[in-house]
Amino acid sequence: MVQAGDYAANTHCLKAIAALGIENAHSGRAIVQQMKAMPTDDPLFGKGTVRADGRVLHPMYLFQVKSPSESRYDWDYYKVLRTIGGDEAFRPLADGHCPIVHT
């Protein structure tokens, strides 16, 4: 999961650099601003947003392991019990006390 998160973050960063254009991507601050301005869209984490404090909000899933009789094909191990929206799954911005965010 950590490796997938690192991959998603780096992919989003590279998309931000491409959106800025390489000649305008000389500033880390500009890249971060672009990352926050762009929605995320990752095959593993789904669609999301980068909040002012840098936290990525994306759907979270509650899975249950299927019984052998429920599995229909190889690697069919889980069923989704609930999808939790990013705004519910992560701590609210105001509760984070991030020093770079003035709420």
Protein backbone atom coordinates (compact mmCIF):
# COMPACT_ATOMS: atom_id res chain seq x y z
CA MET A 1 0.00 0.00 0.00
CA VAL A 2 2.84 2.40 0.79
CA GLN A 3 4.48 1.66 -2.55
CA ALA A 4 1.19 2.27 -4.34
CA GLY A 5 0.80 5.60 -2.53
CA ASP A 6 4.33 6.63 -3.46
CA TYR A 7 3.67 5.68 -7.07
CA ALA A 8 0.39 7.65 -7.12
CA ALA A 9 2.03 10.72 -5.55
CA ASN A 10 4.95 10.72 -7.97
CA THR A 11 2.65 10.20 -10.94
CA HIS A 12 0.51 13.16 -9.83
CA CYS A 13 3.66 15.27 -9.40
CA LEU A 14 4.81 14.42 -12.92
CA LYS A 15 1.36 15.29 -14.29
CA ALA A 16 1.60 18.66 -12.51
CA ILE A 17 5.02 19.29 -14.05
CA ALA A 18 3.65 18.41 -17.49
CA ALA A 19 0.69 20.75 -16.96
CA LEU A 20 3.00 23.60 -15.94
CA GLY A 21 5.38 22.97 -18.79
CA ILE A 22 8.99 22.11 -18.05
CA GLU A 23 10.09 25.75 -18.42
CA ASN A 24 7.69 26.79 -15.60
CA ALA A 25 8.35 23.81 -13.33
CA HIS A 26 11.55 25.15 -11.79
CA SER A 27 9.86 25.96 -8.47
CA GLY A 28 8.80 23.30 -6.01
CA ARG A 29 6.19 25.74 -4.70
CA ALA A 30 4.69 26.11 -8.19
CA ILE A 31 4.58 22.34 -8.63
CA VAL A 32 2.80 21.85 -5.28
CA GLN A 33 0.30 24.60 -6.13
CA GLN A 34 -0.40 22.86 -9.44
CA MET A 35 -0.80 19.50 -7.70
CA LYS A 36 -3.39 21.06 -5.36
CA ALA A 37 -5.20 22.68 -8.28
CA MET A 38 -5.49 19.43 -10.26
CA PRO A 39 -7.76 16.53 -9.33
CA THR A 40 -6.06 13.20 -8.74
CA ASP A 41 -7.11 10.17 -10.75
CA ASP A 42 -5.35 6.96 -9.89
CA PRO A 43 -6.26 3.38 -10.84
CA LEU A 44 -5.73 2.19 -7.26
CA PHE A 45 -7.03 5.11 -5.20
CA GLY A 46 -9.64 6.53 -7.58
CA LYS A 47 -10.50 10.15 -8.11
CA GLY A 48 -9.57 12.63 -5.42
CA THR A 49 -8.24 16.04 -4.52
CA VAL A 50 -5.18 17.43 -2.78
CA ARG A 51 -6.28 19.57 0.13
CA ALA A 52 -4.59 22.81 1.25
CA ASP A 53 -2.62 20.90 3.92
CA GLY A 54 -1.35 18.41 1.33
CA ARG A 55 -3.58 15.50 2.34
CA VAL A 56 -5.07 13.62 -0.59
CA LEU A 57 -8.76 12.89 -0.17
CA HIS A 58 -9.95 9.80 -2.02
CA PRO A 59 -12.50 7.07 -1.46
CA MET A 60 -11.70 4.34 1.06
CA TYR A 61 -13.19 0.87 0.92
CA LEU A 62 -14.31 -1.67 3.48
CA PHE A 63 -13.74 -5.19 2.12
CA GLN A 64 -14.74 -8.62 3.30
CA VAL A 65 -12.93 -11.81 2.33
CA LYS A 66 -15.16 -13.98 0.17
CA SER A 67 -15.86 -17.57 1.02
CA PRO A 68 -14.46 -20.08 -1.48
CA SER A 69 -17.96 -20.66 -2.86
CA GLU A 70 -18.37 -16.92 -3.56
CA SER A 71 -15.16 -16.64 -5.59
CA ARG A 72 -15.78 -16.90 -9.32
CA TYR A 73 -12.25 -16.69 -10.78
CA ASP A 74 -8.57 -16.56 -9.78
CA TRP A 75 -7.76 -13.72 -7.37
CA ASP A 76 -11.46 -13.08 -6.67
CA TYR A 77 -11.00 -12.85 -2.91
CA TYR A 78 -12.78 -9.71 -1.72
CA LYS A 79 -16.16 -8.06 -1.90
CA VAL A 80 -16.76 -4.38 -1.23
CA LEU A 81 -19.03 -3.86 1.75
CA ARG A 82 -18.90 -0.08 1.80
CA THR A 83 -17.32 2.83 -0.04
CA ILE A 84 -16.43 5.74 2.23
CA GLY A 85 -16.05 9.16 0.60
CA GLY A 86 -12.81 11.05 1.12
CA ASP A 87 -14.53 13.82 3.06
CA GLU A 88 -15.73 11.25 5.61
CA ALA A 89 -12.67 8.96 5.58
CA PHE A 90 -10.08 11.59 6.52
CA ARG A 91 -9.77 14.02 9.40
CA PRO A 92 -11.36 17.41 8.68
CA LEU A 93 -8.98 20.19 7.68
CA ALA A 94 -9.89 22.30 10.72
CA ASP A 95 -8.99 19.44 13.10
CA GLY A 96 -5.52 18.94 11.66
CA HIS A 97 -3.92 22.11 13.11
CA CYS A 98 -1.57 22.29 10.13
CA PRO A 99 0.61 25.40 10.57
CA ILE A 100 0.59 26.20 6.84
CA VAL A 101 -3.21 26.33 6.73
CA HIS A 102 -5.08 29.16 8.39
CA THR A 103 -8.71 28.11 8.87
